Amino acid sequence: MLELRPTCEHCNCALSPESSEARICSYECTFCATCVDTVLSNVCPNCGGGFVPRPIRPAHDWKNGNYLGNNPASSIVKHRPVDLKTHTELAAHLKAIPPEER
């Protein structure tokens, strides 16, 4: 189950569980849309993969107890600002390759 991490790993801005600005890679590295677009060039600094919008967990129990109340978002912050020099070198090789082909 997704952790729904509370902040962007790079800039540490808040990403509430219902945020449409949260982006994740397949390892659930979590960044805001602004950092993904303007800093990371859609290249995860941790794995080299691409990002997709993070799903939003239902706030209400519509079926079988599958909702935010039973499965709350994580409160653990993983603030790991990206080393821009190192990431620029990685992104230079990967940003032109679509994520599904990396």
C-alpha atoms as a PDB file:
ATOM      1  CA  MET A   1       0.000   0.000   0.000  1.00  0.00           C
ATOM      2  CA  LEU A   2       1.287   3.447  -0.861  1.00  0.00           C
ATOM      3  CA  GLU A   3       2.689   5.430   2.056  1.00  0.00           C
ATOM      4  CA  LEU A   4       1.348   8.749   0.759  1.00  0.00           C
ATOM      5  CA  ARG A   5       4.416  10.599   1.987  1.00  0.00           C
ATOM      6  CA  PRO A   6       3.667  14.047   3.398  1.00  0.00           C
ATOM      7  CA  THR A   7       6.240  16.232   1.608  1.00  0.00           C
ATOM      8  CA  CYS A   8       8.384  16.662  -1.497  1.00  0.00           C
ATOM      9  CA  GLU A   9      11.748  14.989  -0.974  1.00  0.00           C
ATOM     10  CA  HIS A  10      13.553  17.919  -2.620  1.00  0.00           C
ATOM     11  CA  CYS A  11      11.882  21.184  -1.567  1.00  0.00           C
ATOM     12  CA  ASN A  12       9.978  19.775   1.442  1.00  0.00           C
ATOM     13  CA  CYS A  13       6.674  21.439   0.447  1.00  0.00           C
ATOM     14  CA  ALA A  14       3.584  19.850   1.956  1.00  0.00           C
ATOM     15  CA  LEU A  15       1.795  17.195  -0.121  1.00  0.00           C
ATOM     16  CA  SER A  16      -1.459  16.323   1.603  1.00  0.00           C
ATOM     17  CA  PRO A  17      -3.064  12.944   0.858  1.00  0.00           C
ATOM     18  CA  GLU A  18      -5.528  14.643  -1.493  1.00  0.00           C
ATOM     19  CA  SER A  19      -2.885  16.701  -3.314  1.00  0.00           C
ATOM     20  CA  SER A  20      -2.984  16.541  -7.100  1.00  0.00           C
ATOM     21  CA  GLU A  21       0.557  17.988  -7.124  1.00  0.00           C
ATOM     22  CA  ALA A  22       2.249  14.852  -5.726  1.00  0.00           C
ATOM     23  CA  ARG A  23       4.334  12.755  -8.143  1.00  0.00           C
ATOM     24  CA  ILE A  24       5.844   9.325  -7.469  1.00  0.00           C
ATOM     25  CA  CYS A  25       8.175   6.903  -9.236  1.00  0.00           C
ATOM     26  CA  SER A  26       7.743   3.120  -9.110  1.00  0.00           C
ATOM     27  CA  TYR A  27       9.666   3.048  -5.807  1.00  0.00           C
ATOM     28  CA  GLU A  28       7.342   5.702  -4.364  1.00  0.00           C
ATOM     29  CA  CYS A  29       9.985   8.417  -4.259  1.00  0.00           C
ATOM     30  CA  THR A  30       7.774  11.460  -3.777  1.00  0.00           C
ATOM     31  CA  PHE A  31       8.239  14.921  -5.259  1.00  0.00           C
ATOM     32  CA  CYS A  32       5.985  17.865  -6.071  1.00  0.00           C
ATOM     33  CA  ALA A  33       4.989  18.529  -9.678  1.00  0.00           C
ATOM     34  CA  THR A  34       7.053  21.734  -9.725  1.00  0.00           C
ATOM     35  CA  CYS A  35      10.286  19.948  -8.781  1.00  0.00           C
ATOM     36  CA  VAL A  36       9.583  17.079 -11.208  1.00  0.00           C
ATOM     37  CA  ASP A  37       9.041  19.536 -14.073  1.00  0.00           C
ATOM     38  CA  THR A  38      11.577  22.270 -13.335  1.00  0.00           C
ATOM     39  CA  VAL A  39      14.394  20.594 -11.387  1.00  0.00           C
ATOM     40  CA  LEU A  40      14.297  16.860 -12.116  1.00  0.00           C
ATOM     41  CA  SER A  41      13.307  16.786 -15.821  1.00  0.00           C
ATOM     42  CA  ASN A  42      11.012  13.831 -15.009  1.00  0.00           C
ATOM     43  CA  VAL A  43      14.032  11.725 -13.965  1.00  0.00           C
ATOM     44  CA  CYS A  44      13.953  10.275 -10.458  1.00  0.00           C
ATOM     45  CA  PRO A  45      17.249  11.128  -8.742  1.00  0.00           C
ATOM     46  CA  ASN A  46      17.084   7.893  -6.745  1.00  0.00           C
ATOM     47  CA  CYS A  47      16.388   5.312  -9.476  1.00  0.00           C
ATOM     48  CA  GLY A  48      16.401   7.059 -12.871  1.00  0.00           C
ATOM     49  CA  GLY A  49      12.750   6.229 -13.534  1.00  0.00           C
ATOM     50  CA  GLY A  50       9.978   8.615 -14.481  1.00  0.00           C
ATOM     51  CA  PHE A  51       7.141  10.056 -12.423  1.00  0.00           C
ATOM     52  CA  VAL A  52       3.360   9.755 -12.491  1.00  0.00           C
ATOM     53  CA  PRO A  53       0.677  11.547 -10.475  1.00  0.00           C
ATOM     54  CA  ARG A  54       0.266   9.924  -7.075  1.00  0.00           C
ATOM     55  CA  PRO A  55      -3.161   8.283  -6.656  1.00  0.00           C
ATOM     56  CA  ILE A  56      -5.524   9.850  -4.157  1.00  0.00           C
ATOM     57  CA  ARG A  57      -6.879   7.495  -1.504  1.00  0.00           C
ATOM     58  CA  PRO A  58     -10.627   7.919  -0.891  1.00  0.00           C
ATOM     59  CA  ALA A  59     -11.439  10.066   2.126  1.00  0.00           C
ATOM     60  CA  HIS A  60     -14.687   8.163   2.793  1.00  0.00           C
ATOM     61  CA  ASP A  61     -15.477   4.494   3.290  1.00  0.00           C
ATOM     62  CA  TRP A  62     -17.281   3.785   0.045  1.00  0.00           C
ATOM     63  CA  LYS A  63     -16.510   0.055   0.119  1.00  0.00           C
ATOM     64  CA  ASN A  64     -14.938  -2.511   2.459  1.00  0.00           C
ATOM     65  CA  GLY A  65     -13.107  -0.062   4.725  1.00  0.00           C
ATOM     66  CA  ASN A  66     -10.698   0.978   1.967  1.00  0.00           C
ATOM     67  CA  TYR A  67     -10.219   4.650   2.786  1.00  0.00           C
ATOM     68  CA  LEU A  68      -7.862   7.148   4.374  1.00  0.00           C
ATOM     69  CA  GLY A  69      -9.417   6.669   7.829  1.00  0.00           C
ATOM     70  CA  ASN A  70      -8.406   2.992   7.945  1.00  0.00           C
ATOM     71  CA  ASN A  71      -5.166   3.444   6.022  1.00  0.00           C
ATOM     72  CA  PRO A  72      -3.822   6.889   6.936  1.00  0.00           C
ATOM     73  CA  ALA A  73      -1.073   8.706   5.073  1.00  0.00           C
ATOM     74  CA  SER A  74       2.463   8.543   6.411  1.00  0.00           C
ATOM     75  CA  SER A  75       3.671  11.319   8.681  1.00  0.00           C
ATOM     76  CA  ILE A  76       7.341  10.451   8.146  1.00  0.00           C
ATOM     77  CA  VAL A  77       9.140  13.174   6.211  1.00  0.00           C
ATOM     78  CA  LYS A  78      11.897  12.081   3.833  1.00  0.00           C
ATOM     79  CA  HIS A  79      13.573  15.397   3.048  1.00  0.00           C
ATOM     80  CA  ARG A  80      16.580  14.577   0.881  1.00  0.00           C
ATOM     81  CA  PRO A  81      17.382  17.591  -1.307  1.00  0.00           C
ATOM     82  CA  VAL A  82      18.760  16.556  -4.671  1.00  0.00           C
ATOM     83  CA  ASP A  83      22.421  17.210  -5.445  1.00  0.00           C
ATOM     84  CA  LEU A  84      21.797  19.312  -8.538  1.00  0.00           C
ATOM     85  CA  LYS A  85      25.222  18.768 -10.114  1.00  0.00           C
ATOM     86  CA  THR A  86      24.993  14.985  -9.862  1.00  0.00           C
ATOM     87  CA  HIS A  87      21.362  14.975 -10.986  1.00  0.00           C
ATOM     88  CA  THR A  88      22.075  17.178 -14.003  1.00  0.00           C
ATOM     89  CA  GLU A  89      24.594  14.596 -15.193  1.00  0.00           C
ATOM     90  CA  LEU A  90      22.138  11.720 -14.685  1.00  0.00           C
ATOM     91  CA  ALA A  91      19.235  13.577 -16.287  1.00  0.00           C
ATOM     92  CA  ALA A  92      21.357  14.533 -19.313  1.00  0.00           C
ATOM     93  CA  HIS A  93      21.536  10.840 -20.211  1.00  0.00           C
ATOM     94  CA  LEU A  94      17.965   9.883 -19.367  1.00  0.00           C
ATOM     95  CA  LYS A  95      15.545  12.773 -19.929  1.00  0.00           C
ATOM     96  CA  ALA A  96      15.308  12.186 -23.690  1.00  0.00           C
ATOM     97  CA  ILE A  97      14.385   8.518 -23.140  1.00  0.00           C
ATOM     98  CA  PRO A  98      10.704   7.976 -22.336  1.00  0.00           C
ATOM     99  CA  PRO A  99      10.297   6.483 -18.838  1.00  0.00           C
ATOM    100  CA  GLU A 100       8.775   3.285 -20.223  1.00  0.00           C
ATOM    101  CA  GLU A 101      11.958   2.694 -22.236  1.00  0.00           C
ATOM    102  CA  ARG A 102      14.526   3.432 -19.503  1.00  0.00           C
END
